[in-house]
Amino acid sequence: MQNEYFKAALSDFTFEAANGGAIRHFAEKGYTVRQIMDELDFPASYEKVQKAVWDFFLEKGVILLHEPGTAKGEKKKIYIKEYGKFGKISFRGITASEDGQQIIDWKDLSCKKLDKECQINVIKEKHRKNGKDTAYVTCDFGIMKKRDSKAYAAALSLLDDRQKEYAEGLPWADQRVYHCMDARMTEIICRLLSSEQYGGSCYFMKLGEKVTIG
């Protein structure tokens, strides 16, 4: 047992030394898992690269396993620097969780009664106002893959090759996941929504708004 643990630890150390930095670099640049594998100097299994990308996204906050703006552990007060119209510096206090994320009293909005094109226009406009770094969208790929493989396959079939390769490359947890609304994920959600294959919520942290769509 001890020998197996040592072998696993040594394998992880070797993998990190050989490929860890490169994987994080290419993931940051937007490469898919398959594309990253093509760039590595040292061979690695698909599953290991998947896990490394997933762990990196969790660390960077690209993916959250809990709802954005909700408390995770003890609350604390933090202060953020802001610049006024003429460059004057001020500090604004906000309540945050122990992981540093702002705790938000969400304003709930629903677009479900609008047609799909209008829903897409609403989230694109709010995304523009909010910015991508503090906007998240719910993703249920892991739930579908585990519990409804037909729905999962149907959703992936609606994506173009680039989008599909990205979605398939992540080892989605069997739970609701919250993915940063970068350009690619926004494209994916809008494509699924337009084909009536998406239901969930978008979180715009700067605006303090949670928008239900689908």
Protein backbone atom coordinates (compact mmCIF):
# COMPACT_ATOMS: atom_id res chain seq x y z
CA MET A 1 0.00 0.00 0.00
CA GLN A 2 2.79 2.41 0.94
CA ASN A 3 4.66 1.46 -2.20
CA GLU A 4 1.59 2.22 -4.36
CA TYR A 5 1.18 5.60 -2.68
CA PHE A 6 4.85 6.40 -3.36
CA LYS A 7 4.49 5.39 -7.02
CA ALA A 8 1.40 7.58 -7.43
CA ALA A 9 3.11 10.53 -5.75
CA LEU A 10 6.20 10.10 -7.92
CA SER A 11 4.04 9.88 -11.05
CA ASP A 12 2.21 13.09 -10.12
CA PHE A 13 5.50 14.87 -9.40
CA THR A 14 6.99 13.75 -12.72
CA PHE A 15 3.87 14.79 -14.62
CA GLU A 16 3.83 18.23 -12.97
CA ALA A 17 7.52 18.80 -13.63
CA ALA A 18 7.24 17.73 -17.26
CA ASN A 19 3.90 19.17 -18.30
CA GLY A 20 2.23 21.17 -15.53
CA GLY A 21 3.48 24.60 -16.55
CA ALA A 22 2.81 24.01 -20.25
CA ILE A 23 -0.73 22.77 -19.60
CA ARG A 24 -1.59 25.84 -17.53
CA HIS A 25 -0.04 28.12 -20.15
CA PHE A 26 -2.04 26.65 -23.03
CA ALA A 27 -5.25 26.42 -20.99
CA GLU A 28 -4.89 30.13 -20.17
CA LYS A 29 -4.57 30.83 -23.90
CA GLY A 30 -7.86 29.01 -24.58
CA TYR A 31 -6.56 25.72 -25.98
CA THR A 32 -8.79 22.67 -25.70
CA VAL A 33 -7.52 19.54 -23.96
CA ARG A 34 -6.91 17.88 -27.35
CA GLN A 35 -4.96 20.90 -28.60
CA ILE A 36 -2.90 20.99 -25.40
CA MET A 37 -1.94 17.34 -25.83
CA ASP A 38 -0.62 18.12 -29.31
CA GLU A 39 1.66 20.81 -27.83
CA LEU A 40 3.22 18.81 -24.99
CA ASP A 41 6.87 17.81 -25.24
CA PHE A 42 6.35 14.81 -22.97
CA PRO A 43 3.60 12.20 -23.47
CA ALA A 44 0.64 12.26 -21.08
CA SER A 45 -2.70 10.51 -20.95
CA TYR A 46 -5.83 12.37 -22.03
CA GLU A 47 -7.35 11.86 -18.57
CA LYS A 48 -4.33 13.39 -16.80
CA VAL A 49 -4.41 16.46 -19.01
CA GLN A 50 -8.17 16.76 -18.47
CA LYS A 51 -7.73 16.71 -14.71
CA ALA A 52 -4.86 19.22 -14.83
CA VAL A 53 -6.95 21.65 -16.90
CA TRP A 54 -9.97 21.18 -14.63
CA ASP A 55 -7.92 21.77 -11.47
CA PHE A 56 -6.36 24.87 -13.02
CA PHE A 57 -9.80 26.26 -13.95
CA LEU A 58 -11.02 25.67 -10.39
CA GLU A 59 -7.94 27.41 -9.00
CA LYS A 60 -8.34 30.40 -11.34
CA GLY A 61 -12.10 30.70 -10.79
CA VAL A 62 -12.94 29.94 -14.42
CA ILE A 63 -15.13 27.19 -12.97
CA LEU A 64 -16.95 27.29 -9.64
CA LEU A 65 -18.57 24.35 -7.86
CA HIS A 66 -20.79 26.62 -5.78
CA GLU A 67 -23.14 29.39 -6.81
CA PRO A 68 -21.36 32.68 -7.50
CA GLY A 69 -21.79 35.33 -4.86
CA THR A 70 -22.72 32.92 -2.09
CA ALA A 71 -20.94 32.45 1.21
CA LYS A 72 -18.40 29.67 1.46
CA GLY A 73 -17.25 29.55 5.03
CA GLU A 74 -16.89 32.57 7.30
CA LYS A 75 -17.85 36.03 6.07
CA LYS A 76 -15.31 38.81 6.20
CA LYS A 77 -14.99 42.45 5.15
CA ILE A 78 -12.62 43.30 2.34
CA TYR A 79 -11.91 46.61 0.65
CA ILE A 80 -11.53 47.17 -3.06
CA LYS A 81 -9.75 50.12 -4.66
CA GLU A 82 -11.80 52.24 -7.06
CA TYR A 83 -10.86 55.19 -9.24
CA GLY A 84 -13.12 58.20 -9.65
CA LYS A 85 -13.70 60.31 -12.74
CA PHE A 86 -10.49 62.29 -12.30
CA GLY A 87 -8.37 59.42 -11.04
CA LYS A 88 -9.18 59.98 -7.37
CA ILE A 89 -8.66 56.77 -5.40
CA SER A 90 -11.30 55.54 -2.95
CA PHE A 91 -11.92 52.28 -1.12
CA ARG A 92 -15.25 50.50 -0.99
CA GLY A 93 -15.97 47.84 1.63
CA ILE A 94 -17.75 44.66 0.55
CA THR A 95 -18.67 41.47 2.36
CA ALA A 96 -16.86 38.43 1.04
CA SER A 97 -16.58 34.73 1.79
CA GLU A 98 -13.39 33.08 3.01
CA ASP A 99 -12.39 32.35 -0.58
CA GLY A 100 -12.44 36.09 -1.31
CA GLN A 101 -15.57 36.05 -3.42
CA GLN A 102 -18.05 38.87 -2.99
CA ILE A 103 -21.32 37.87 -1.33
CA ILE A 104 -24.22 39.17 -3.38
CA ASP A 105 -27.89 39.63 -2.61
CA TRP A 106 -28.98 38.70 -6.12
CA LYS A 107 -31.72 40.53 -7.99
CA ASP A 108 -33.59 37.68 -9.69
CA LEU A 109 -34.76 38.29 -13.24
CA SER A 110 -36.45 35.85 -15.61
CA CYS A 111 -36.41 35.98 -19.40
CA LYS A 112 -38.15 32.64 -19.92
CA LYS A 113 -41.29 34.24 -21.36
CA LEU A 114 -39.30 36.01 -24.06
CA ASP A 115 -38.51 34.31 -27.36
CA LYS A 116 -35.04 32.80 -27.67
CA GLU A 117 -33.62 35.60 -29.81
CA CYS A 118 -34.70 38.19 -27.24
CA GLN A 119 -33.22 36.11 -24.41
CA ILE A 120 -29.90 35.96 -26.24
CA ASN A 121 -29.95 39.72 -26.81
CA VAL A 122 -30.67 40.31 -23.11
CA ILE A 123 -27.75 38.20 -21.85
CA LYS A 124 -25.36 39.63 -24.46
CA GLU A 125 -26.24 43.18 -23.43
CA LYS A 126 -25.89 42.39 -19.72
CA HIS A 127 -22.64 40.60 -20.46
CA ARG A 128 -21.37 43.71 -22.25
CA LYS A 129 -22.28 45.95 -19.31
CA ASN A 130 -20.94 43.58 -16.66
CA GLY A 131 -17.76 42.29 -18.30
CA LYS A 132 -16.73 38.66 -18.72
CA ASP A 133 -14.48 38.23 -15.69
CA THR A 134 -17.32 38.44 -13.16
CA ALA A 135 -20.06 36.80 -15.22
CA TYR A 136 -20.92 33.10 -14.85
CA VAL A 137 -23.38 30.70 -16.41
CA THR A 138 -24.72 27.38 -15.15
CA CYS A 139 -23.52 24.26 -16.96
CA ASP A 140 -25.15 20.86 -16.51
CA PHE A 141 -23.00 18.87 -18.93
CA GLY A 142 -21.81 16.55 -16.16
CA ILE A 143 -25.34 15.86 -14.94
CA MET A 144 -26.55 15.11 -18.47
CA LYS A 145 -23.55 12.91 -19.31
CA LYS A 146 -24.06 10.85 -16.16
CA ARG A 147 -27.86 10.68 -16.03
CA ASP A 148 -29.15 11.33 -19.56
CA SER A 149 -26.61 10.41 -22.21
CA LYS A 150 -29.09 11.06 -25.04
CA ALA A 151 -29.67 14.64 -23.89
CA TYR A 152 -25.89 15.09 -23.56
CA ALA A 153 -25.27 13.79 -27.08
CA ALA A 154 -28.10 15.95 -28.45
CA ALA A 155 -26.63 19.06 -26.84
CA LEU A 156 -23.13 18.38 -28.18
CA SER A 157 -24.49 17.74 -31.69
CA LEU A 158 -25.67 21.36 -31.84
CA LEU A 159 -22.16 22.74 -31.31
CA ASP A 160 -19.54 23.38 -33.96
CA ASP A 161 -16.36 21.28 -33.88
CA ARG A 162 -14.38 23.84 -31.85
CA GLN A 163 -17.11 24.26 -29.23
CA LYS A 164 -17.76 20.53 -29.01
CA GLU A 165 -14.06 19.74 -28.55
CA TYR A 166 -13.89 22.17 -25.65
CA ALA A 167 -17.04 20.88 -23.93
CA GLU A 168 -16.07 17.22 -24.36
CA GLY A 169 -12.56 17.88 -23.11
CA LEU A 170 -13.58 18.95 -19.60
CA PRO A 171 -14.26 16.22 -17.00
CA TRP A 172 -17.51 17.82 -15.82
CA ALA A 173 -18.53 17.06 -12.25
CA ASP A 174 -21.83 15.25 -11.71
CA GLN A 175 -23.43 18.43 -10.39
CA ARG A 176 -24.35 21.91 -11.54
CA VAL A 177 -21.17 23.80 -12.43
CA TYR A 178 -20.71 27.54 -12.92
CA HIS A 179 -18.45 28.51 -15.83
CA CYS A 180 -17.05 31.98 -16.44
CA MET A 181 -18.85 33.59 -19.39
CA ASP A 182 -15.83 33.98 -21.62
CA ALA A 183 -16.43 34.38 -25.36
CA ARG A 184 -16.42 30.63 -26.04
CA MET A 185 -18.80 29.63 -23.27
CA THR A 186 -21.15 32.49 -24.15
CA GLU A 187 -21.21 31.22 -27.73
CA ILE A 188 -21.94 27.68 -26.54
CA ILE A 189 -24.81 28.74 -24.27
CA CYS A 190 -26.34 31.01 -26.92
CA ARG A 191 -26.21 28.23 -29.50
CA LEU A 192 -27.89 25.75 -27.15
CA LEU A 193 -30.44 28.35 -26.09
CA SER A 194 -31.37 29.20 -29.67
CA SER A 195 -32.07 25.50 -30.28
CA GLU A 196 -34.11 25.22 -27.05
CA GLN A 197 -31.54 22.88 -25.54
CA TYR A 198 -30.56 25.04 -22.58
CA GLY A 199 -32.12 25.99 -19.29
CA GLY A 200 -30.27 27.71 -16.48
CA SER A 201 -29.07 31.03 -15.15
CA CYS A 202 -26.50 33.71 -15.90
CA TYR A 203 -24.89 35.58 -13.02
CA PHE A 204 -23.63 39.13 -13.55
CA MET A 205 -21.73 39.94 -10.38
CA LYS A 206 -21.00 43.62 -11.04
CA LEU A 207 -24.66 44.22 -11.88
CA GLY A 208 -25.82 42.02 -9.00
CA GLU A 209 -28.27 40.27 -11.33
CA LYS A 210 -29.15 36.61 -11.77
CA VAL A 211 -30.98 36.04 -15.06
CA THR A 212 -32.93 32.83 -15.65
CA ILE A 213 -33.09 31.73 -19.30
CA GLY A 214 -34.27 28.74 -21.29
